[in-house]
């Protein structure tokens, strides 16, 4: 069973909800896979940068509390697919 797709006609106010065709579902799934990979790549890059910064601060002799105070707080990003 495929996902549903909604089509809204702003002129008539008519809304149609139907099941995606197999081709639409394949394209949608492929797009979602690309977006998820991009998210994972961004997270890995951010984690690597954070670890690099932590290692540099540790070489300077900073405590864990001082390092946490210097690092930006991690906040969730909003993604739209």
PDB file of N, CA and C in Angstrom:
ATOM      1  N   UNK A   1       0.841  -1.169   0.000  1.00  0.00           N
ATOM      2  CA  UNK A   1       0.000   0.000   0.000  1.00  0.00           C
ATOM      3  C   UNK A   1       0.896   1.246   0.000  1.00  0.00           C
ATOM      4  N   UNK A   2       0.608   2.169  -0.877  1.00  0.00           N
ATOM      5  CA  UNK A   2       1.385   3.397  -1.004  1.00  0.00           C
ATOM      6  C   UNK A   2       0.857   4.468  -0.057  1.00  0.00           C
ATOM      7  N   UNK A   3       1.705   5.481   0.179  1.00  0.00           N
ATOM      8  CA  UNK A   3       1.297   6.626   0.988  1.00  0.00           C
ATOM      9  C   UNK A   3       0.194   7.398   0.273  1.00  0.00           C
ATOM     10  N   UNK A   4      -0.436   8.278   1.019  1.00  0.00           N
ATOM     11  CA  UNK A   4      -1.494   9.118   0.453  1.00  0.00           C
ATOM     12  C   UNK A   4      -0.886  10.441  -0.010  1.00  0.00           C
ATOM     13  N   UNK A   5      -1.537  11.054  -0.988  1.00  0.00           N
ATOM     14  CA  UNK A   5      -1.139  12.364  -1.477  1.00  0.00           C
ATOM     15  C   UNK A   5      -2.385  13.238  -1.502  1.00  0.00           C
ATOM     16  N   UNK A   6      -2.232  14.483  -1.122  1.00  0.00           N
ATOM     17  CA  UNK A   6      -3.358  15.405  -1.117  1.00  0.00           C
ATOM     18  C   UNK A   6      -3.180  16.472  -2.187  1.00  0.00           C
ATOM     19  N   UNK A   7      -4.242  16.750  -2.898  1.00  0.00           N
ATOM     20  CA  UNK A   7      -4.233  17.780  -3.925  1.00  0.00           C
ATOM     21  C   UNK A   7      -5.353  18.752  -3.581  1.00  0.00           C
ATOM     22  N   UNK A   8      -5.007  20.030  -3.485  1.00  0.00           N
ATOM     23  CA  UNK A   8      -5.996  21.040  -3.136  1.00  0.00           C
ATOM     24  C   UNK A   8      -6.103  22.054  -4.258  1.00  0.00           C
ATOM     25  N   UNK A   9      -7.320  22.318  -4.708  1.00  0.00           N
ATOM     26  CA  UNK A   9      -7.589  23.317  -5.733  1.00  0.00           C
ATOM     27  C   UNK A   9      -8.064  24.576  -5.016  1.00  0.00           C
ATOM     28  N   UNK A  10      -7.221  25.609  -5.013  1.00  0.00           N
ATOM     29  CA  UNK A  10      -7.544  26.841  -4.308  1.00  0.00           C
ATOM     30  C   UNK A  10      -8.692  27.611  -4.929  1.00  0.00           C
ATOM     31  N   UNK A  11      -8.932  27.412  -6.205  1.00  0.00           N
ATOM     32  CA  UNK A  11     -10.005  28.137  -6.886  1.00  0.00           C
ATOM     33  C   UNK A  11     -11.360  27.563  -6.509  1.00  0.00           C
ATOM     34  N   UNK A  12     -11.469  26.238  -6.566  1.00  0.00           N
ATOM     35  CA  UNK A  12     -12.760  25.603  -6.297  1.00  0.00           C
ATOM     36  C   UNK A  12     -12.916  25.182  -4.842  1.00  0.00           C
ATOM     37  N   UNK A  13     -11.807  25.130  -4.102  1.00  0.00           N
ATOM     38  CA  UNK A  13     -11.861  24.670  -2.721  1.00  0.00           C
ATOM     39  C   UNK A  13     -11.959  23.152  -2.621  1.00  0.00           C
ATOM     40  N   UNK A  14     -11.801  22.480  -3.741  1.00  0.00           N
ATOM     41  CA  UNK A  14     -11.907  21.015  -3.773  1.00  0.00           C
ATOM     42  C   UNK A  14     -10.584  20.395  -3.306  1.00  0.00           C
ATOM     43  N   UNK A  15     -10.710  19.371  -2.486  1.00  0.00           N
ATOM     44  CA  UNK A  15      -9.535  18.658  -1.997  1.00  0.00           C
ATOM     45  C   UNK A  15      -9.681  17.196  -2.357  1.00  0.00           C
ATOM     46  N   UNK A  16      -8.623  16.653  -2.954  1.00  0.00           N
ATOM     47  CA  UNK A  16      -8.617  15.246  -3.345  1.00  0.00           C
ATOM     48  C   UNK A  16      -7.489  14.562  -2.581  1.00  0.00           C
ATOM     49  N   UNK A  17      -7.808  13.468  -1.944  1.00  0.00           N
ATOM     50  CA  UNK A  17      -6.796  12.652  -1.268  1.00  0.00           C
ATOM     51  C   UNK A  17      -6.824  11.293  -1.940  1.00  0.00           C
ATOM     52  N   UNK A  18      -5.655  10.900  -2.437  1.00  0.00           N
ATOM     53  CA  UNK A  18      -5.574   9.632  -3.148  1.00  0.00           C
ATOM     54  C   UNK A  18      -4.271   8.932  -2.798  1.00  0.00           C
ATOM     55  N   UNK A  19      -4.194   7.681  -3.161  1.00  0.00           N
ATOM     56  CA  UNK A  19      -2.975   6.911  -2.957  1.00  0.00           C
ATOM     57  C   UNK A  19      -1.975   7.274  -4.058  1.00  0.00           C
ATOM     58  N   UNK A  20      -0.708   7.378  -3.681  1.00  0.00           N
ATOM     59  CA  UNK A  20       0.330   7.670  -4.670  1.00  0.00           C
ATOM     60  C   UNK A  20       0.422   6.524  -5.667  1.00  0.00           C
ATOM     61  N   UNK A  21       0.777   6.867  -6.902  1.00  0.00           N
ATOM     62  CA  UNK A  21       1.053   5.823  -7.879  1.00  0.00           C
ATOM     63  C   UNK A  21       2.379   5.173  -7.484  1.00  0.00           C
ATOM     64  N   UNK A  22       2.686   4.039  -8.073  1.00  0.00           N
ATOM     65  CA  UNK A  22       3.950   3.362  -7.766  1.00  0.00           C
ATOM     66  C   UNK A  22       5.148   4.249  -8.118  1.00  0.00           C
ATOM     67  N   UNK A  23       5.069   4.957  -9.252  1.00  0.00           N
ATOM     68  CA  UNK A  23       6.163   5.855  -9.644  1.00  0.00           C
ATOM     69  C   UNK A  23       6.322   7.012  -8.664  1.00  0.00           C
ATOM     70  N   UNK A  24       5.209   7.597  -8.231  1.00  0.00           N
ATOM     71  CA  UNK A  24       5.261   8.682  -7.250  1.00  0.00           C
ATOM     72  C   UNK A  24       5.852   8.182  -5.939  1.00  0.00           C
ATOM     73  N   UNK A  25       5.464   6.998  -5.519  1.00  0.00           N
ATOM     74  CA  UNK A  25       5.968   6.432  -4.265  1.00  0.00           C
ATOM     75  C   UNK A  25       7.465   6.179  -4.360  1.00  0.00           C
ATOM     76  N   UNK A  26       7.926   5.657  -5.492  1.00  0.00           N
ATOM     77  CA  UNK A  26       9.363   5.420  -5.668  1.00  0.00           C
ATOM     78  C   UNK A  26      10.146   6.729  -5.608  1.00  0.00           C
ATOM     79  N   UNK A  27       9.636   7.764  -6.275  1.00  0.00           N
ATOM     80  CA  UNK A  27      10.315   9.066  -6.259  1.00  0.00           C
ATOM     81  C   UNK A  27      10.323   9.645  -4.848  1.00  0.00           C
ATOM     82  N   UNK A  28       9.201   9.526  -4.150  1.00  0.00           N
ATOM     83  CA  UNK A  28       9.103  10.041  -2.781  1.00  0.00           C
ATOM     84  C   UNK A  28      10.072   9.310  -1.853  1.00  0.00           C
ATOM     85  N   UNK A  29      10.100   7.994  -1.955  1.00  0.00           N
ATOM     86  CA  UNK A  29      11.000   7.207  -1.114  1.00  0.00           C
ATOM     87  C   UNK A  29      12.464   7.533  -1.410  1.00  0.00           C
ATOM     88  N   UNK A  30      12.797   7.728  -2.689  1.00  0.00           N
ATOM     89  CA  UNK A  30      14.170   8.072  -3.059  1.00  0.00           C
ATOM     90  C   UNK A  30      14.544   9.434  -2.479  1.00  0.00           C
ATOM     91  N   UNK A  31      13.623  10.378  -2.554  1.00  0.00           N
ATOM     92  CA  UNK A  31      13.878  11.711  -2.000  1.00  0.00           C
ATOM     93  C   UNK A  31      14.083  11.642  -0.490  1.00  0.00           C
ATOM     94  N   UNK A  32      13.241  10.884   0.184  1.00  0.00           N
ATOM     95  CA  UNK A  32      13.379  10.740   1.639  1.00  0.00           C
ATOM     96  C   UNK A  32      14.719  10.119   2.007  1.00  0.00           C
ATOM     97  N   UNK A  33      15.179   9.144   1.217  1.00  0.00           N
ATOM     98  CA  UNK A  33      16.462   8.502   1.486  1.00  0.00           C
ATOM     99  C   UNK A  33      17.608   9.511   1.348  1.00  0.00           C
ATOM    100  N   UNK A  34      17.523  10.375   0.340  1.00  0.00           N
ATOM    101  CA  UNK A  34      18.551  11.402   0.145  1.00  0.00           C
ATOM    102  C   UNK A  34      18.555  12.365   1.322  1.00  0.00           C
ATOM    103  N   UNK A  35      17.374  12.794   1.746  1.00  0.00           N
ATOM    104  CA  UNK A  35      17.271  13.735   2.866  1.00  0.00           C
ATOM    105  C   UNK A  35      17.821  13.110   4.145  1.00  0.00           C
ATOM    106  N   UNK A  36      17.488  11.861   4.407  1.00  0.00           N
ATOM    107  CA  UNK A  36      17.991  11.179   5.610  1.00  0.00           C
ATOM    108  C   UNK A  36      19.506  11.049   5.568  1.00  0.00           C
ATOM    109  N   UNK A  37      20.070  10.748   4.390  1.00  0.00           N
ATOM    110  CA  UNK A  37      21.525  10.651   4.262  1.00  0.00           C
ATOM    111  C   UNK A  37      22.171  12.008   4.512  1.00  0.00           C
ATOM    112  N   UNK A  38      21.565  13.075   3.990  1.00  0.00           N
ATOM    113  CA  UNK A  38      22.100  14.417   4.227  1.00  0.00           C
ATOM    114  C   UNK A  38      22.074  14.755   5.715  1.00  0.00           C
ATOM    115  N   UNK A  39      20.994  14.399   6.384  1.00  0.00           N
ATOM    116  CA  UNK A  39      20.902  14.648   7.831  1.00  0.00           C
ATOM    117  C   UNK A  39      22.001  13.901   8.575  1.00  0.00           C
ATOM    118  N   UNK A  40      22.195  12.632   8.221  1.00  0.00           N
ATOM    119  CA  UNK A  40      23.213  11.822   8.891  1.00  0.00           C
ATOM    120  C   UNK A  40      24.604  12.386   8.624  1.00  0.00           C
ATOM    121  N   UNK A  41      24.857  12.826   7.384  1.00  0.00           N
ATOM    122  CA  UNK A  41      26.161  13.411   7.047  1.00  0.00           C
ATOM    123  C   UNK A  41      26.405  14.700   7.829  1.00  0.00           C
ATOM    124  N   UNK A  42      25.377  15.551   7.929  1.00  0.00           N
ATOM    125  CA  UNK A  42      25.498  16.799   8.681  1.00  0.00           C
ATOM    126  C   UNK A  42      25.787  16.518  10.151  1.00  0.00           C
ATOM    127  N   UNK A  43      25.098  15.524  10.712  1.00  0.00           N
ATOM    128  CA  UNK A  43      25.307  15.186  12.122  1.00  0.00           C
ATOM    129  C   UNK A  43      26.715  14.651  12.349  1.00  0.00           C
ATOM    130  N   UNK A  44      27.178  13.793  11.448  1.00  0.00           N
ATOM    131  CA  UNK A  44      28.527  13.243  11.583  1.00  0.00           C
ATOM    132  C   UNK A  44      29.575  14.351  11.486  1.00  0.00           C
ATOM    133  N   UNK A  45      29.359  15.277  10.584  1.00  0.00           N
ATOM    134  CA  UNK A  45      30.287  16.399  10.419  1.00  0.00           C
ATOM    135  C   UNK A  45      30.307  17.275  11.677  1.00  0.00           C
ATOM    136  N   UNK A  46      29.130  17.562  12.212  1.00  0.00           N
ATOM    137  CA  UNK A  46      29.036  18.383  13.428  1.00  0.00           C
ATOM    138  C   UNK A  46      29.672  17.665  14.615  1.00  0.00           C
ATOM    139  N   UNK A  47      29.443  16.349  14.727  1.00  0.00           N
ATOM    140  CA  UNK A  47      30.040  15.582  15.818  1.00  0.00           C
ATOM    141  C   UNK A  47      31.569  15.578  15.720  1.00  0.00           C
ATOM    142  N   UNK A  48      32.084  15.425  14.496  1.00  0.00           N
ATOM    143  CA  UNK A  48      33.535  15.417  14.301  1.00  0.00           C
ATOM    144  C   UNK A  48      34.129  16.779  14.664  1.00  0.00           C
ATOM    145  N   UNK A  49      33.472  17.850  14.265  1.00  0.00           N
ATOM    146  CA  UNK A  49      33.951  19.191  14.602  1.00  0.00           C
ATOM    147  C   UNK A  49      33.935  19.409  16.111  1.00  0.00           C
ATOM    148  N   UNK A  50      32.871  18.947  16.754  1.00  0.00           N
ATOM    149  CA  UNK A  50      32.767  19.087  18.214  1.00  0.00           C
ATOM    150  C   UNK A  50      33.918  18.343  18.900  1.00  0.00           C
ATOM    151  N   UNK A  51      34.199  17.123  18.448  1.00  0.00           N
ATOM    152  CA  UNK A  51      35.283  16.340  19.054  1.00  0.00           C
ATOM    153  C   UNK A  51      36.640  16.999  18.826  1.00  0.00           C
ATOM    154  N   UNK A  52      36.823  17.606  17.657  1.00  0.00           N
ATOM    155  CA  UNK A  52      38.074  18.320  17.375  1.00  0.00           C
ATOM    156  C   UNK A  52      38.242  19.494  18.328  1.00  0.00           C
ATOM    157  N   UNK A  53      37.150  20.234  18.544  1.00  0.00           N
ATOM    158  CA  UNK A  53      37.204  21.368  19.461  1.00  0.00           C
ATOM    159  C   UNK A  53      37.481  20.903  20.889  1.00  0.00           C
ATOM    160  N   UNK A  54      36.835  19.823  21.301  1.00  0.00           N
ATOM    161  CA  UNK A  54      37.050  19.298  22.653  1.00  0.00           C
ATOM    162  C   UNK A  54      38.520  18.908  22.837  1.00  0.00           C
ATOM    163  N   UNK A  55      39.086  18.231  21.840  1.00  0.00           N
ATOM    164  CA  UNK A  55      40.491  17.815  21.934  1.00  0.00           C
ATOM    165  C   UNK A  55      41.415  19.029  22.036  1.00  0.00           C
ATOM    166  N   UNK A  56      41.118  20.074  21.289  1.00  0.00           N
ATOM    167  CA  UNK A  56      41.962  21.281  21.348  1.00  0.00           C
ATOM    168  C   UNK A  56      41.854  21.945  22.716  1.00  0.00           C
ATOM    169  N   UNK A  57      40.645  22.029  23.250  1.00  0.00           N
ATOM    170  CA  UNK A  57      40.462  22.640  24.569  1.00  0.00           C
ATOM    171  C   UNK A  57      41.132  21.808  25.665  1.00  0.00           C
ATOM    172  N   UNK A  58      41.089  20.476  25.508  1.00  0.00           N
ATOM    173  CA  UNK A  58      41.753  19.620  26.497  1.00  0.00           C
ATOM    174  C   UNK A  58      43.266  19.833  26.470  1.00  0.00           C
ATOM    175  N   UNK A  59      43.838  20.044  25.286  1.00  0.00           N
ATOM    176  CA  UNK A  59      45.276  20.313  25.173  1.00  0.00           C
ATOM    177  C   UNK A  59      45.654  21.611  25.881  1.00  0.00           C
ATOM    178  N   UNK A  60      44.691  22.536  25.935  1.00  0.00           N
ATOM    179  CA  UNK A  60      44.932  23.800  26.631  1.00  0.00           C
ATOM    180  C   UNK A  60      44.776  23.663  28.141  1.00  0.00           C
ATOM    181  N   UNK A  61      44.338  22.475  28.584  1.00  0.00           N
ATOM    182  CA  UNK A  61      44.211  22.218  30.014  1.00  0.00           C
ATOM    183  C   UNK A  61      42.894  22.669  30.619  1.00  0.00           C
ATOM    184  N   UNK A  62      41.878  22.874  29.811  1.00  0.00           N
ATOM    185  CA  UNK A  62      40.577  23.292  30.335  1.00  0.00           C
ATOM    186  C   UNK A  62      39.833  22.117  30.946  1.00  0.00           C
ATOM    187  N   UNK A  63      39.032  22.407  31.955  1.00  0.00           N
ATOM    188  CA  UNK A  63      38.228  21.356  32.590  1.00  0.00           C
ATOM    189  C   UNK A  63      37.007  21.047  31.715  1.00  0.00           C
ATOM    190  N   UNK A  64      36.346  19.955  32.039  1.00  0.00           N
ATOM    191  CA  UNK A  64      35.157  19.560  31.280  1.00  0.00           C
ATOM    192  C   UNK A  64      34.071  20.630  31.371  1.00  0.00           C
ATOM    193  N   UNK A  65      33.932  21.238  32.532  1.00  0.00           N
ATOM    194  CA  UNK A  65      32.926  22.293  32.711  1.00  0.00           C
ATOM    195  C   UNK A  65      33.254  23.517  31.862  1.00  0.00           C
ATOM    196  N   UNK A  66      34.522  23.869  31.808  1.00  0.00           N
ATOM    197  CA  UNK A  66      34.932  25.015  30.999  1.00  0.00           C
ATOM    198  C   UNK A  66      34.714  24.742  29.500  1.00  0.00           C
ATOM    199  N   UNK A  67      35.016  23.524  29.108  1.00  0.00           N
ATOM    200  CA  UNK A  67      34.827  23.151  27.700  1.00  0.00           C
ATOM    201  C   UNK A  67      33.352  23.220  27.339  1.00  0.00           C
ATOM    202  N   UNK A  68      32.489  22.679  28.169  1.00  0.00           N
ATOM    203  CA  UNK A  68      31.050  22.715  27.900  1.00  0.00           C
ATOM    204  C   UNK A  68      30.539  24.147  27.821  1.00  0.00           C
ATOM    205  N   UNK A  69      31.111  25.027  28.642  1.00  0.00           N
ATOM    206  CA  UNK A  69      30.686  26.430  28.622  1.00  0.00           C
ATOM    207  C   UNK A  69      31.096  27.107  27.303  1.00  0.00           C
ATOM    208  N   UNK A  70      32.193  26.666  26.723  1.00  0.00           N
ATOM    209  CA  UNK A  70      32.674  27.272  25.479  1.00  0.00           C
ATOM    210  C   UNK A  70      31.971  26.722  24.231  1.00  0.00           C
ATOM    211  N   UNK A  71      31.535  25.480  24.313  1.00  0.00           N
ATOM    212  CA  UNK A  71      30.896  24.868  23.143  1.00  0.00           C
ATOM    213  C   UNK A  71      29.454  25.344  23.013  1.00  0.00           C
ATOM    214  N   UNK A  72      29.001  25.559  21.775  1.00  0.00           N
ATOM    215  CA  UNK A  72      27.607  25.966  21.599  1.00  0.00           C
ATOM    216  C   UNK A  72      26.671  24.834  22.005  1.00  0.00           C
ATOM    217  N   UNK A  73      25.542  25.215  22.556  1.00  0.00           N
ATOM    218  CA  UNK A  73      24.549  24.212  22.947  1.00  0.00           C
ATOM    219  C   UNK A  73      24.007  23.551  21.688  1.00  0.00           C
ATOM    220  N   UNK A  74      23.838  22.254  21.759  1.00  0.00           N
ATOM    221  CA  UNK A  74      23.270  21.551  20.603  1.00  0.00           C
ATOM    222  C   UNK A  74      21.758  21.715  20.643  1.00  0.00           C
ATOM    223  N   UNK A  75      21.203  22.083  19.525  1.00  0.00           N
ATOM    224  CA  UNK A  75      19.760  22.268  19.449  1.00  0.00           C
ATOM    225  C   UNK A  75      19.244  21.528  18.224  1.00  0.00           C
ATOM    226  N   UNK A  76      18.060  20.980  18.309  1.00  0.00           N
ATOM    227  CA  UNK A  76      17.531  20.258  17.156  1.00  0.00           C
ATOM    228  C   UNK A  76      17.221  21.222  16.017  1.00  0.00           C
ATOM    229  N   UNK A  77      17.514  20.786  14.800  1.00  0.00           N
ATOM    230  CA  UNK A  77      17.208  21.589  13.624  1.00  0.00           C
ATOM    231  C   UNK A  77      15.920  21.090  13.008  1.00  0.00           C
ATOM    232  N   UNK A  78      15.164  22.008  12.489  1.00  0.00           N
ATOM    233  CA  UNK A  78      13.933  21.642  11.813  1.00  0.00           C
ATOM    234  C   UNK A  78      14.235  21.355  10.366  1.00  0.00           C
ATOM    235  N   UNK A  79      13.811  20.214   9.891  1.00  0.00           N
ATOM    236  CA  UNK A  79      14.008  19.833   8.485  1.00  0.00           C
ATOM    237  C   UNK A  79      12.655  19.610   7.855  1.00  0.00           C
ATOM    238  N   UNK A  80      12.534  20.046   6.660  1.00  0.00           N
ATOM    239  CA  UNK A  80      11.314  19.759   5.902  1.00  0.00           C
ATOM    240  C   UNK A  80      11.709  18.945   4.697  1.00  0.00           C
ATOM    241  N   UNK A  81      10.940  17.961   4.430  1.00  0.00           N
ATOM    242  CA  UNK A  81      11.248  17.092   3.299  1.00  0.00           C
ATOM    243  C   UNK A  81      10.468  17.481   2.083  1.00  0.00           C
TER     244      UNK A  81
END
